[in-house]
Protein backbone atom coordinates (compact mmCIF):
# COMPACT_ATOMS: atom_id res chain seq x y z
CA UNK A 1 84.07 72.42 76.63
CA UNK A 2 86.20 75.33 77.69
CA UNK A 3 85.58 77.03 80.96
CA UNK A 4 84.72 80.58 79.96
CA UNK A 5 84.55 82.02 83.45
CA UNK A 6 86.27 81.70 86.78
CA UNK A 7 86.64 83.43 90.07
CA UNK A 8 88.95 86.42 90.16
CA UNK A 9 92.53 85.31 89.71
CA UNK A 10 95.30 87.81 89.26
CA UNK A 11 98.27 85.46 89.23
CA UNK A 12 100.85 85.71 86.49
CA UNK A 13 104.48 84.94 85.69
CA UNK A 14 105.71 88.02 87.54
CA UNK A 15 103.38 87.75 90.52
CA UNK A 16 105.00 86.84 93.82
CA UNK A 17 102.69 85.17 96.30
CA UNK A 18 103.19 83.05 99.37
CA UNK A 19 102.99 79.93 97.26
CA UNK A 20 104.31 81.08 93.88
CA UNK A 21 106.76 79.37 91.55
CA UNK A 22 107.44 75.70 92.25
CA UNK A 23 106.30 75.92 95.87
CA UNK A 24 102.81 75.74 97.29
CA UNK A 25 100.31 72.88 97.29
CA UNK A 26 100.50 70.11 94.71
CA UNK A 27 96.79 70.43 93.98
CA UNK A 28 93.85 68.10 94.51
CA UNK A 29 93.10 65.28 92.05
CA UNK A 30 91.19 66.64 89.07
CA UNK A 31 92.52 70.16 89.53
CA UNK A 32 94.52 72.01 86.91
CA UNK A 33 97.25 72.58 89.49
CA UNK A 34 97.68 68.82 90.04
CA UNK A 35 97.79 68.26 86.28
CA UNK A 36 100.74 70.65 85.87
CA UNK A 37 102.86 68.15 87.75
CA UNK A 38 102.01 65.49 85.13
CA UNK A 39 103.35 67.49 82.18
CA UNK A 40 106.72 66.60 80.67
CA UNK A 41 109.35 69.32 81.19
CA UNK A 42 111.91 69.82 78.41
CA UNK A 43 113.67 72.62 76.60
CA UNK A 44 112.07 74.32 73.62
CA UNK A 45 113.02 72.76 70.28
CA UNK A 46 113.90 74.91 67.25
CA UNK A 47 111.05 76.39 65.24
CA UNK A 48 112.73 75.07 62.08
CA UNK A 49 110.27 73.78 59.51
CA UNK A 50 107.13 75.26 61.10
CA UNK A 51 104.38 76.22 58.66
CA UNK A 52 100.68 76.64 59.32
CA UNK A 53 99.94 74.07 56.63
CA UNK A 54 101.75 71.42 58.70
CA UNK A 55 98.56 71.36 60.80
CA UNK A 56 96.34 70.74 57.79
CA UNK A 57 93.69 72.83 56.08
CA UNK A 58 92.58 75.71 58.26
CA UNK A 59 89.23 75.21 60.00
CA UNK A 60 88.61 71.75 58.58
CA UNK A 61 85.37 69.98 59.43
CA UNK A 62 87.04 67.33 61.59
CA UNK A 63 83.86 66.49 63.51
CA UNK A 64 81.94 65.90 60.25
CA UNK A 65 78.99 68.07 61.27
CA UNK A 66 78.93 69.86 57.91
CA UNK A 67 80.33 73.14 59.28
CA UNK A 68 83.90 74.44 59.46
CA UNK A 69 85.59 74.62 62.85
CA UNK A 70 85.77 78.43 62.91
CA UNK A 71 82.01 78.74 62.58
CA UNK A 72 81.49 75.99 65.16
CA UNK A 73 83.45 78.02 67.72
CA UNK A 74 81.69 81.27 66.80
CA UNK A 75 78.33 79.54 67.33
CA UNK A 76 79.53 78.24 70.70
CA UNK A 77 81.03 81.45 72.07
CA UNK A 78 78.92 84.27 70.62
CA UNK A 79 75.47 85.46 71.62
CA UNK A 80 72.74 86.89 69.34
CA UNK A 81 74.10 84.79 66.48
CA UNK A 82 72.79 85.34 62.95
CA UNK A 83 73.61 83.09 60.01
CA UNK A 84 74.13 83.80 56.32
CA UNK A 85 73.15 80.33 55.06
CA UNK A 86 70.20 77.96 55.35
CA UNK A 87 72.34 75.27 57.02
CA UNK A 88 73.04 77.57 60.01
CA UNK A 89 76.75 77.08 59.48
CA UNK A 90 78.13 80.45 58.42
CA UNK A 91 77.95 82.95 61.26
CA UNK A 92 77.28 86.40 59.84
CA UNK A 93 76.95 88.38 63.06
CA UNK A 94 76.95 88.02 66.81
CA UNK A 95 78.25 89.46 70.06
CA UNK A 96 81.12 88.34 72.24
CA UNK A 97 79.43 89.57 75.40
CA UNK A 98 82.33 89.10 77.79
CA UNK A 99 85.57 88.75 75.87
CA UNK A 100 87.78 86.42 77.91
CA UNK A 101 91.01 88.29 77.14
CA UNK A 102 89.87 91.87 77.78
CA UNK A 103 86.57 91.53 79.63
CA UNK A 104 84.90 93.82 77.09
CA UNK A 105 81.98 93.47 74.69
CA UNK A 106 82.95 92.85 71.06
CA UNK A 107 80.67 92.90 68.02
CA UNK A 108 81.24 90.27 65.35
CA UNK A 109 80.51 90.97 61.68
CA UNK A 110 81.63 88.47 59.06
CA UNK A 111 84.33 89.92 56.83
CA UNK A 112 84.99 92.91 59.08
CA UNK A 113 85.42 91.31 62.46
CA UNK A 114 87.26 92.26 65.61
CA UNK A 115 86.89 88.68 66.84
CA UNK A 116 89.56 86.03 66.29
CA UNK A 117 89.47 82.32 67.00
CA UNK A 118 92.54 81.73 69.13
CA UNK A 119 94.46 78.51 69.65
CA UNK A 120 94.95 78.59 73.42
CA UNK A 121 98.12 76.58 72.87
CA UNK A 122 99.53 78.16 69.73
CA UNK A 123 100.40 75.90 66.80
CA UNK A 124 103.95 77.24 66.72
CA UNK A 125 104.36 76.65 70.45
CA UNK A 126 103.15 73.06 70.04
CA UNK A 127 105.52 72.59 67.08
CA UNK A 128 108.47 73.52 69.28
CA UNK A 129 107.28 71.20 72.08
CA UNK A 130 106.56 67.92 70.39
CA UNK A 131 104.26 68.40 67.40
CA UNK A 132 107.08 68.08 64.88
CA UNK A 133 106.99 64.33 65.56
CA UNK A 134 103.21 63.91 65.30
CA UNK A 135 101.23 62.33 62.50
CA UNK A 136 99.40 64.69 60.12
CA UNK A 137 96.11 63.46 61.57
CA UNK A 138 97.12 64.38 65.11
CA UNK A 139 98.23 67.86 64.04
CA UNK A 140 94.94 68.37 62.18
CA UNK A 141 92.99 67.28 65.27
CA UNK A 142 95.00 69.62 67.50
CA UNK A 143 94.38 72.64 65.25
CA UNK A 144 90.62 72.02 65.22
CA UNK A 145 89.94 70.72 68.73
CA UNK A 146 87.30 72.84 70.53
CA UNK A 147 89.23 72.29 73.76
CA UNK A 148 92.04 74.37 72.25
CA UNK A 149 89.91 77.08 70.62
CA UNK A 150 88.38 80.27 71.92
CA UNK A 151 86.70 83.34 70.43
CA UNK A 152 88.64 86.40 71.60
CA UNK A 153 89.12 90.09 70.84
CA UNK A 154 91.46 90.31 67.87
CA UNK A 155 94.05 92.85 69.03
CA UNK A 156 94.62 91.07 72.36
CA UNK A 157 94.94 87.74 70.58
CA UNK A 158 97.49 89.12 68.14
CA UNK A 159 99.56 90.57 70.96
CA UNK A 160 99.70 87.08 72.42
CA UNK A 161 101.19 85.66 69.22
CA UNK A 162 102.62 82.22 69.94
CA UNK A 163 103.39 83.03 73.57
CA UNK A 164 103.03 80.48 76.35
CA UNK A 165 102.07 81.08 79.99
CA UNK A 166 105.58 82.30 80.81
CA UNK A 167 105.43 85.09 78.22
CA UNK A 168 101.77 86.15 77.96
CA UNK A 169 98.62 86.18 80.07
CA UNK A 170 95.23 87.78 79.32
CA UNK A 171 94.93 91.41 80.50
CA UNK A 172 91.60 90.30 82.02
CA UNK A 173 92.92 88.95 85.32
CA UNK A 174 89.59 87.32 86.18
CA UNK A 175 90.11 84.89 83.29
CA UNK A 176 93.71 83.90 83.97
CA UNK A 177 92.97 80.81 86.06
CA UNK A 178 90.61 79.39 83.43
CA UNK A 179 93.04 80.33 80.65
CA UNK A 180 96.00 78.56 82.21
CA UNK A 181 93.85 75.57 83.18
CA UNK A 182 92.80 75.22 79.53
CA UNK A 183 96.41 75.35 78.36
CA UNK A 184 97.32 72.65 80.87
CA UNK A 185 94.40 70.50 79.69
CA UNK A 186 95.38 70.80 76.02
CA UNK A 187 99.05 70.04 76.68
CA UNK A 188 98.15 67.05 78.84
CA UNK A 189 95.69 65.68 76.27
CA UNK A 190 98.14 65.89 73.37
CA UNK A 191 101.40 65.26 75.20
CA UNK A 192 102.81 68.72 74.45
CA UNK A 193 105.68 69.41 76.81
CA UNK A 194 106.42 72.59 78.77
CA UNK A 195 109.62 74.41 79.57
CA UNK A 196 110.67 74.76 83.22
CA UNK A 197 109.83 78.46 83.13
CA UNK A 198 106.42 77.75 81.65
CA UNK A 199 105.65 75.11 84.28
CA UNK A 200 106.60 77.50 87.06
CA UNK A 201 104.45 80.27 85.57
CA UNK A 202 101.50 77.86 85.37
CA UNK A 203 101.96 76.95 89.02
CA UNK A 204 102.22 80.58 90.06
CA UNK A 205 98.84 81.35 88.50
CA UNK A 206 97.11 78.17 89.66
CA UNK A 207 98.43 78.37 93.22
CA UNK A 208 96.11 81.37 93.48
CA UNK A 209 93.10 79.21 92.51
CA UNK A 210 93.97 75.63 93.56
CA UNK A 211 90.35 74.48 93.17
CA UNK A 212 90.31 75.35 89.45
CA UNK A 213 89.19 72.20 87.64
CA UNK A 214 90.99 70.79 84.64
CA UNK A 215 88.74 71.19 81.57
CA UNK A 216 87.94 68.09 79.56
CA UNK A 217 86.20 67.09 76.38
CA UNK A 218 86.92 68.20 72.86
CA UNK A 219 87.49 65.97 69.85
CA UNK A 220 89.58 62.80 69.42
CA UNK A 221 93.33 63.35 69.08
CA UNK A 222 93.44 61.94 65.54
CA UNK A 223 91.48 63.27 62.56
CA UNK A 224 91.15 62.18 58.95
CA UNK A 225 93.49 64.39 56.98
CA UNK A 226 91.13 64.56 54.01
CA UNK A 227 88.39 66.52 55.81
């Protein structure tokens, strides 16, 4: 599961600390900082050919629990959840009590929501860093993996776009360590590479919280394309 909270951590791509950039400790085993050093570093490939449908049907039921992925994440991340169906699948209302990106409280109402489900590692970013060569089943799994998904305030999420750690960090500084650690975990799990600038930005943030653990879990890295 994602780590939805962390100690205060104000690091970011433009922060300059005593151990920023490529310097500082390598990180203890099991830490997100140590895992950064295991990521492949390459240049960004062209975005040519990217389409959302390359990652399969949106919010497919890849875990075969009878509910779509979007509703699964809403159930996980919201409080005071109310459903619109007898199966307790379709989330009709709820509250994002502590939005990870802004730190604020956000009300969710189905059909008129200010809550998005964000891919921590954007699909377009993954496409430019290895996903072009994946099987359809791996891309479907990536797009629906709970490890890579997070309920977040819509306007902040849309400002992020397909940015990576080098180009965007949550305005909520207290969440930055957990956010970057989750991106590292997703990229390590799926073999998504990072650019040199992205790696250095990850290290700059995580050098400020070297004990931050690398999240684990989520779904298998291959899914049946028909779901």
